[in-house]
Amino acid sequence: MSEQAVAEQAVPTTGREWHLAARPEGWPKPTDFTLVEAEVRQPGPGEILVRNAYLSVDPYMRGRMNDVRSYVPPFQLGAVMDGGAVGYVVASQAEGFEVGDAVLHGLGWREYATVDAERAVKVDPELAPLSYYLGILGMPGLTAYAGLLEVASFKPGDTVFVSGAAGAVGSLVGQIAKLRGAARVVGSAGSAEKVAKLVDDYGFDAAFNYKDGPVRDQLTEAAPEGIDVYFDNVGGDHLEAAISALKVHGRATLCGAISQYNSTGAPEGPRNLVQAIGKRLRLQGMLVGDHAALQSQFVAEMAGWLKDGSLHYDETVVDGVEDAAEAFIGLLRGDNTGKMVVKLAS
């Protein structure tokens, strides 16, 4: 969208936004969310008003729907939710931001957002499609990059196993590992189509459908000599299988546990954790916010790989703010390949 086109748009007085209507018990339902017409607050000093073009739905948001203490505050009942979004400035009271600027910020799940300019970052829609700043050039991309290279201390020649490998983070982890000299990369996914994509499009050396049989058996077949690094997006039986497959001094990045997000009972922990002692394993959790120092290196290297075609990137795009809740539920079902985003406006 050109600056002139944005400037010619009338500044709105109302816009639609999603509220959390009920805390999900188990799997979220459409009735747990409500789409509300709300007043759009005009920007005050130091603020900008953004017309969101794309919003992000991400697995971590499921945890925020529970009323429990965590590393990020829970969503409040009857209040608008938030999350990553990119869009265009339509009004500004902040130095350095003009109408028409494209920005990344944290007030998604709504059509219009009044944002503290200090919490917005200008992005270049000429460098990459705007939605990429929610994926490969945004939080999922940095998660993959930092989680593999810094948290897991990846080294050329490592054998790497990635769970949830067809998702926004996992698909990038495997490709970065190959580009950085992995000896072998194995991924798991939830359908035959995704397994084929891992090998044919993303360059994994082997992949398997975790629904086809025990994960431990399939991983042993795919990596018979064991693995050096495990990037965990799933938890549960995948983590247990990886602990068995990890070599001495193996490293695991614990990024997510999507298999447990909708569980209503006590989660099952790995039954073989004792192996971590004899193998001297390193199992380390990660939050992407701890790795901001890598941001400039990450963007430069990822943009270069995108430009020369080294990286294959997929998005699943859902049209319309009215379908954002269904997009989120679909994400938890595994309906997406690559990053799931909701398109609100051009």
Protein backbone atom coordinates (compact mmCIF):
# COMPACT_ATOMS: atom_id res chain seq x y z
CA MET A 1 0.00 0.00 0.00
CA SER A 2 1.42 3.39 -0.98
CA GLU A 3 1.78 6.28 1.47
CA GLN A 4 -0.69 8.29 -0.61
CA ALA A 5 -3.26 5.50 -0.49
CA VAL A 6 -2.99 5.31 3.28
CA ALA A 7 -3.19 9.07 3.66
CA GLU A 8 -6.36 9.21 1.60
CA GLN A 9 -8.15 6.76 3.91
CA ALA A 10 -10.45 8.25 6.50
CA VAL A 11 -9.28 7.69 10.06
CA PRO A 12 -11.84 5.22 11.49
CA THR A 13 -13.90 5.70 14.64
CA THR A 14 -14.64 1.98 15.21
CA GLY A 15 -13.05 -1.33 14.33
CA ARG A 16 -13.48 -5.02 15.06
CA GLU A 17 -11.42 -6.82 17.68
CA TRP A 18 -11.37 -10.27 19.26
CA HIS A 19 -12.07 -10.74 22.97
CA LEU A 20 -11.56 -13.85 25.08
CA ALA A 21 -15.10 -14.81 26.13
CA ALA A 22 -14.26 -17.92 28.20
CA ARG A 23 -11.15 -19.78 29.28
CA PRO A 24 -10.93 -22.95 27.16
CA GLU A 25 -11.14 -26.31 28.86
CA GLY A 26 -9.07 -28.57 26.70
CA TRP A 27 -9.32 -27.68 23.03
CA PRO A 28 -10.51 -24.10 22.36
CA LYS A 29 -13.97 -23.69 20.81
CA PRO A 30 -15.31 -20.83 18.65
CA THR A 31 -17.59 -19.84 21.54
CA ASP A 32 -14.52 -19.10 23.67
CA PHE A 33 -13.99 -15.99 21.52
CA THR A 34 -16.14 -12.98 20.64
CA LEU A 35 -15.70 -10.54 17.76
CA VAL A 36 -16.57 -7.07 19.05
CA GLU A 37 -17.06 -3.68 17.37
CA ALA A 38 -15.05 -1.25 19.49
CA GLU A 39 -14.13 2.41 19.49
CA VAL A 40 -10.79 3.23 17.90
CA ARG A 41 -8.83 5.56 20.15
CA GLN A 42 -7.02 8.30 18.28
CA PRO A 43 -3.30 8.56 19.01
CA GLY A 44 -1.98 10.82 21.75
CA PRO A 45 1.54 12.21 22.10
CA GLY A 46 4.11 9.53 21.29
CA GLU A 47 1.53 7.20 19.75
CA ILE A 48 0.57 5.99 16.28
CA LEU A 49 -2.65 4.54 14.91
CA VAL A 50 -2.06 1.46 12.77
CA ARG A 51 -4.38 -0.23 10.31
CA ASN A 52 -3.35 -3.86 10.72
CA ALA A 53 -2.71 -5.70 7.47
CA TYR A 54 -1.77 -9.09 8.93
CA LEU A 55 -1.99 -10.57 12.40
CA SER A 56 -0.19 -13.60 13.76
CA VAL A 57 -1.66 -16.65 15.48
CA ASP A 58 0.92 -18.69 17.41
CA PRO A 59 0.87 -21.79 19.63
CA TYR A 60 2.08 -19.88 22.72
CA MET A 61 -1.21 -17.97 22.74
CA ARG A 62 -3.00 -21.09 23.99
CA GLY A 63 -1.15 -20.86 27.29
CA ARG A 64 -2.19 -17.23 27.68
CA MET A 65 -5.82 -18.31 27.62
CA ASN A 66 -5.34 -20.07 30.97
CA ASP A 67 -5.46 -18.05 34.17
CA VAL A 68 -2.03 -19.13 35.37
CA ARG A 69 1.24 -17.38 36.04
CA SER A 70 3.75 -17.69 33.24
CA TYR A 71 6.48 -15.76 31.47
CA VAL A 72 3.79 -13.61 29.82
CA PRO A 73 0.53 -12.38 31.43
CA PRO A 74 -2.68 -14.28 30.61
CA PHE A 75 -5.36 -12.83 28.39
CA GLN A 76 -8.15 -11.22 30.39
CA LEU A 77 -11.77 -12.31 30.03
CA GLY A 78 -13.92 -9.82 28.15
CA ALA A 79 -10.89 -7.88 26.93
CA VAL A 80 -9.12 -7.67 23.59
CA MET A 81 -6.28 -10.14 23.07
CA ASP A 82 -2.92 -9.21 21.62
CA GLY A 83 -0.15 -10.70 19.53
CA GLY A 84 2.15 -9.88 16.64
CA ALA A 85 0.81 -7.73 13.80
CA VAL A 86 2.06 -5.68 10.87
CA GLY A 87 0.27 -2.79 9.24
CA TYR A 88 0.35 0.80 8.07
CA VAL A 89 0.33 4.02 10.06
CA VAL A 90 -2.88 5.97 9.39
CA ALA A 91 -2.35 8.70 12.02
CA SER A 92 0.74 9.72 13.99
CA GLN A 93 1.58 11.82 17.00
CA ALA A 94 5.08 10.35 17.26
CA GLU A 95 8.33 11.73 15.95
CA GLY A 96 9.86 9.53 13.28
CA PHE A 97 6.62 7.87 12.18
CA GLU A 98 4.66 9.15 9.22
CA VAL A 99 1.36 8.17 7.66
CA GLY A 100 2.04 5.30 5.28
CA ASP A 101 4.95 3.79 7.23
CA ALA A 102 4.82 0.00 7.57
CA VAL A 103 5.34 -1.16 11.16
CA LEU A 104 5.59 -4.32 13.26
CA HIS A 105 4.03 -4.24 16.72
CA GLY A 106 2.36 -6.39 19.40
CA LEU A 107 -1.32 -5.37 19.24
CA GLY A 108 -2.84 -7.91 16.90
CA TRP A 109 -6.27 -9.57 17.08
CA ARG A 110 -7.86 -6.28 15.93
CA GLU A 111 -8.30 -4.20 12.80
CA TYR A 112 -6.89 -0.95 14.21
CA ALA A 113 -4.33 -0.53 16.98
CA THR A 114 -3.27 2.57 18.89
CA VAL A 115 0.37 1.82 19.64
CA ASP A 116 3.06 3.42 21.78
CA ALA A 117 5.61 4.30 19.11
CA GLU A 118 8.43 2.98 21.30
CA ARG A 119 6.85 -0.46 20.94
CA ALA A 120 6.63 -0.32 17.14
CA VAL A 121 9.38 -1.07 14.62
CA LYS A 122 9.46 0.19 11.06
CA VAL A 123 9.78 -2.56 8.46
CA ASP A 124 10.52 -2.45 4.76
CA PRO A 125 7.80 -3.98 2.53
CA GLU A 126 10.21 -3.68 -0.41
CA LEU A 127 12.73 -6.03 1.24
CA ALA A 128 10.17 -8.80 1.79
CA PRO A 129 6.37 -9.25 1.78
CA LEU A 130 4.88 -7.55 4.82
CA SER A 131 3.60 -10.80 6.33
CA TYR A 132 7.17 -12.21 6.39
CA TYR A 133 7.90 -9.94 9.36
CA LEU A 134 5.54 -12.15 11.38
CA GLY A 135 7.36 -15.28 10.28
CA ILE A 136 10.73 -15.83 8.69
CA LEU A 137 11.97 -12.30 9.48
CA GLY A 138 10.11 -12.08 12.78
CA MET A 139 9.65 -13.95 16.04
CA PRO A 140 9.43 -17.50 14.58
CA GLY A 141 12.51 -16.94 12.44
CA LEU A 142 14.59 -15.62 15.31
CA THR A 143 13.33 -18.48 17.50
CA ALA A 144 14.59 -21.02 14.97
CA TYR A 145 17.89 -19.22 14.42
CA ALA A 146 18.73 -18.59 18.08
CA GLY A 147 17.32 -21.87 19.32
CA LEU A 148 19.49 -23.92 16.98
CA LEU A 149 22.70 -21.90 16.83
CA GLU A 150 22.89 -20.41 20.33
CA VAL A 151 20.77 -22.53 22.67
CA ALA A 152 21.62 -25.91 21.11
CA SER A 153 25.20 -24.88 20.29
CA PHE A 154 24.87 -26.41 16.81
CA LYS A 155 28.10 -27.49 15.12
CA PRO A 156 28.77 -28.50 11.50
CA GLY A 157 28.52 -32.27 11.24
CA ASP A 158 25.74 -32.58 13.82
CA THR A 159 22.73 -34.83 13.26
CA VAL A 160 19.58 -32.86 14.10
CA PHE A 161 16.03 -33.97 14.88
CA VAL A 162 13.20 -31.42 14.71
CA SER A 163 9.66 -32.10 15.92
CA GLY A 164 6.74 -30.11 14.53
CA ALA A 165 9.04 -29.71 11.57
CA ALA A 166 6.46 -28.43 9.08
CA GLY A 167 5.51 -25.47 11.28
CA ALA A 168 6.73 -21.90 11.23
CA VAL A 169 9.72 -22.56 13.51
CA GLY A 170 10.52 -26.20 12.75
CA SER A 171 10.66 -25.77 8.97
CA LEU A 172 13.29 -23.06 9.40
CA VAL A 173 15.33 -24.97 12.00
CA GLY A 174 15.89 -27.85 9.60
CA GLN A 175 16.85 -25.61 6.71
CA ILE A 176 19.24 -23.50 8.80
CA ALA A 177 20.88 -26.68 10.06
CA LYS A 178 21.46 -27.87 6.49
CA LEU A 179 22.79 -24.47 5.40
CA ARG A 180 25.17 -24.44 8.37
CA GLY A 181 26.57 -27.91 7.58
CA ALA A 182 24.50 -30.53 9.39
CA ALA A 183 25.40 -34.11 8.55
CA ARG A 184 21.77 -35.22 8.70
CA VAL A 185 18.44 -33.55 9.49
CA VAL A 186 15.33 -35.52 10.46
CA GLY A 187 11.85 -34.09 10.99
CA SER A 188 8.47 -35.25 12.23
CA ALA A 189 5.10 -33.98 11.04
CA GLY A 190 1.45 -35.01 11.15
CA SER A 191 0.55 -35.94 7.57
CA ALA A 192 2.02 -37.66 4.53
CA GLU A 193 1.83 -34.38 2.61
CA LYS A 194 3.87 -32.56 5.24
CA VAL A 195 6.41 -35.36 5.41
CA ALA A 196 6.89 -35.14 1.64
CA LYS A 197 7.31 -31.37 1.84
CA LEU A 198 10.00 -31.68 4.51
CA VAL A 199 12.12 -33.81 2.20
CA ASP A 200 11.21 -32.43 -1.23
CA ASP A 201 10.97 -28.70 -0.47
CA TYR A 202 12.82 -28.05 2.79
CA GLY A 203 15.75 -30.40 2.14
CA PHE A 204 15.44 -32.65 5.21
CA ASP A 205 17.33 -35.91 4.80
CA ALA A 206 14.48 -37.93 6.32
CA ALA A 207 11.05 -37.36 7.82
CA PHE A 208 8.22 -39.39 9.30
CA ASN A 209 4.54 -39.08 10.21
CA TYR A 210 4.30 -39.42 13.98
CA LYS A 211 0.79 -40.85 13.56
CA ASP A 212 2.15 -43.87 11.69
CA GLY A 213 3.73 -45.57 14.69
CA PRO A 214 5.79 -45.06 17.86
CA VAL A 215 7.99 -41.99 17.54
CA ARG A 216 10.93 -43.78 19.13
CA ASP A 217 10.87 -46.55 16.52
CA GLN A 218 10.52 -44.17 13.59
CA LEU A 219 13.29 -41.91 14.87
CA THR A 220 15.61 -44.89 15.32
CA GLU A 221 14.99 -45.89 11.72
CA ALA A 222 15.54 -42.33 10.43
CA ALA A 223 18.68 -41.72 12.52
CA PRO A 224 20.13 -45.14 13.35
CA GLU A 225 23.41 -43.71 14.66
CA GLY A 226 21.65 -41.32 17.02
CA ILE A 227 21.29 -37.54 17.11
CA ASP A 228 23.42 -34.69 18.45
CA VAL A 229 20.72 -32.01 18.62
CA TYR A 230 16.99 -32.11 19.25
CA PHE A 231 14.77 -29.06 18.64
CA ASP A 232 11.56 -29.69 20.57
CA ASN A 233 8.28 -28.08 19.53
CA VAL A 234 6.06 -30.95 20.69
CA GLY A 235 7.12 -32.46 24.03
CA GLY A 236 5.58 -35.73 25.23
CA ASP A 237 6.53 -38.85 23.31
CA HIS A 238 8.77 -36.83 20.96
CA LEU A 239 10.92 -35.60 23.84
CA GLU A 240 11.09 -39.10 25.31
CA ALA A 241 12.17 -40.53 21.96
CA ALA A 242 14.78 -37.82 21.49
CA ILE A 243 16.31 -38.46 24.93
CA SER A 244 16.77 -42.09 23.92
CA ALA A 245 18.31 -41.11 20.58
CA LEU A 246 20.63 -38.36 21.81
CA LYS A 247 24.31 -39.22 21.90
CA VAL A 248 26.64 -38.49 24.81
CA HIS A 249 26.80 -34.70 25.35
CA GLY A 250 23.73 -34.24 23.16
CA ARG A 251 21.82 -30.96 23.37
CA ALA A 252 18.10 -30.25 23.22
CA THR A 253 16.35 -26.91 22.80
CA LEU A 254 12.99 -27.02 24.57
CA CYS A 255 11.00 -24.47 22.56
CA GLY A 256 7.42 -25.73 22.80
CA ALA A 257 5.20 -28.60 23.90
CA ILE A 258 2.17 -28.33 21.66
CA SER A 259 1.12 -31.91 22.40
CA GLN A 260 0.29 -30.80 25.95
CA TYR A 261 -1.27 -27.36 25.40
CA ASN A 262 -4.85 -28.66 25.34
CA SER A 263 -4.44 -31.42 27.93
CA THR A 264 -6.91 -31.36 30.81
CA GLY A 265 -4.93 -33.79 32.97
CA ALA A 266 -1.44 -33.86 34.35
CA PRO A 267 1.05 -33.98 31.45
CA GLU A 268 3.16 -37.09 31.08
CA GLY A 269 6.82 -36.32 31.50
CA PRO A 270 9.57 -38.27 29.75
CA ARG A 271 9.91 -41.60 31.52
CA ASN A 272 13.57 -41.92 30.56
CA LEU A 273 14.92 -38.64 31.90
CA VAL A 274 17.45 -40.59 33.96
CA GLN A 275 19.38 -41.11 30.70
CA ALA A 276 20.30 -37.42 30.81
CA ILE A 277 22.69 -38.21 33.66
CA GLY A 278 24.78 -40.92 32.03
CA LYS A 279 24.77 -39.22 28.65
CA ARG A 280 25.52 -35.81 30.19
CA LEU A 281 22.74 -34.27 28.14
CA ARG A 282 21.90 -30.57 28.09
CA LEU A 283 18.16 -29.90 27.96
CA GLN A 284 17.61 -26.14 27.84
CA GLY A 285 14.41 -24.15 27.59
CA MET A 286 14.31 -20.99 25.52
CA LEU A 287 12.37 -17.75 25.21
CA VAL A 288 13.08 -15.77 22.08
CA GLY A 289 13.20 -12.49 23.99
CA ASP A 290 16.46 -13.56 25.60
CA HIS A 291 18.20 -13.48 22.21
CA ALA A 292 17.58 -9.93 21.02
CA ALA A 293 21.34 -9.40 20.64
CA LEU A 294 21.24 -11.73 17.63
CA GLN A 295 18.62 -9.64 15.81
CA SER A 296 20.86 -7.80 13.32
CA GLN A 297 22.92 -10.92 12.53
CA PHE A 298 19.73 -12.95 12.15
CA VAL A 299 18.01 -10.51 9.77
CA ALA A 300 21.12 -10.09 7.63
CA GLU A 301 21.74 -13.83 7.25
CA MET A 302 18.09 -14.80 6.74
CA ALA A 303 17.49 -12.00 4.22
CA GLY A 304 20.55 -13.15 2.30
CA TRP A 305 19.32 -16.75 2.19
CA LEU A 306 15.89 -15.55 1.06
CA LYS A 307 17.39 -13.41 -1.68
CA ASP A 308 19.56 -16.18 -3.13
CA GLY A 309 16.82 -18.79 -2.85
CA SER A 310 18.57 -20.94 -0.24
CA LEU A 311 15.55 -20.89 2.07
CA HIS A 312 12.11 -22.24 1.20
CA TYR A 313 9.36 -20.44 3.10
CA ASP A 314 5.66 -21.26 3.30
CA GLU A 315 2.72 -19.36 4.74
CA THR A 316 -0.83 -20.43 5.40
CA VAL A 317 -2.93 -17.29 4.93
CA VAL A 318 -6.49 -16.99 6.24
CA ASP A 319 -8.52 -14.09 4.86
CA GLY A 320 -10.55 -11.82 7.11
CA VAL A 321 -10.47 -10.72 10.74
CA GLU A 322 -13.74 -12.59 11.26
CA ASP A 323 -11.88 -15.90 10.76
CA ALA A 324 -9.00 -15.21 13.17
CA ALA A 325 -10.33 -17.45 15.95
CA GLU A 326 -10.89 -20.33 13.53
CA ALA A 327 -7.37 -19.80 12.18
CA PHE A 328 -5.96 -20.12 15.70
CA ILE A 329 -7.93 -23.31 16.38
CA GLY A 330 -6.77 -24.67 13.03
CA LEU A 331 -3.18 -23.91 13.96
CA LEU A 332 -3.51 -26.11 17.05
CA ARG A 333 -4.95 -28.89 14.86
CA GLY A 334 -1.97 -28.63 12.54
CA ASP A 335 -3.90 -27.24 9.58
CA ASN A 336 -1.01 -24.96 8.66
CA THR A 337 2.13 -25.54 6.67
CA GLY A 338 4.73 -22.97 7.67
CA LYS A 339 3.56 -19.77 9.35
CA MET A 340 -0.17 -19.18 9.91
CA VAL A 341 -1.23 -15.55 9.44
CA VAL A 342 -4.56 -13.79 9.09
CA LYS A 343 -4.85 -11.21 6.32
CA LEU A 344 -6.94 -8.18 7.29
CA ALA A 345 -6.19 -5.61 4.60
CA SER A 346 -3.96 -4.97 1.60
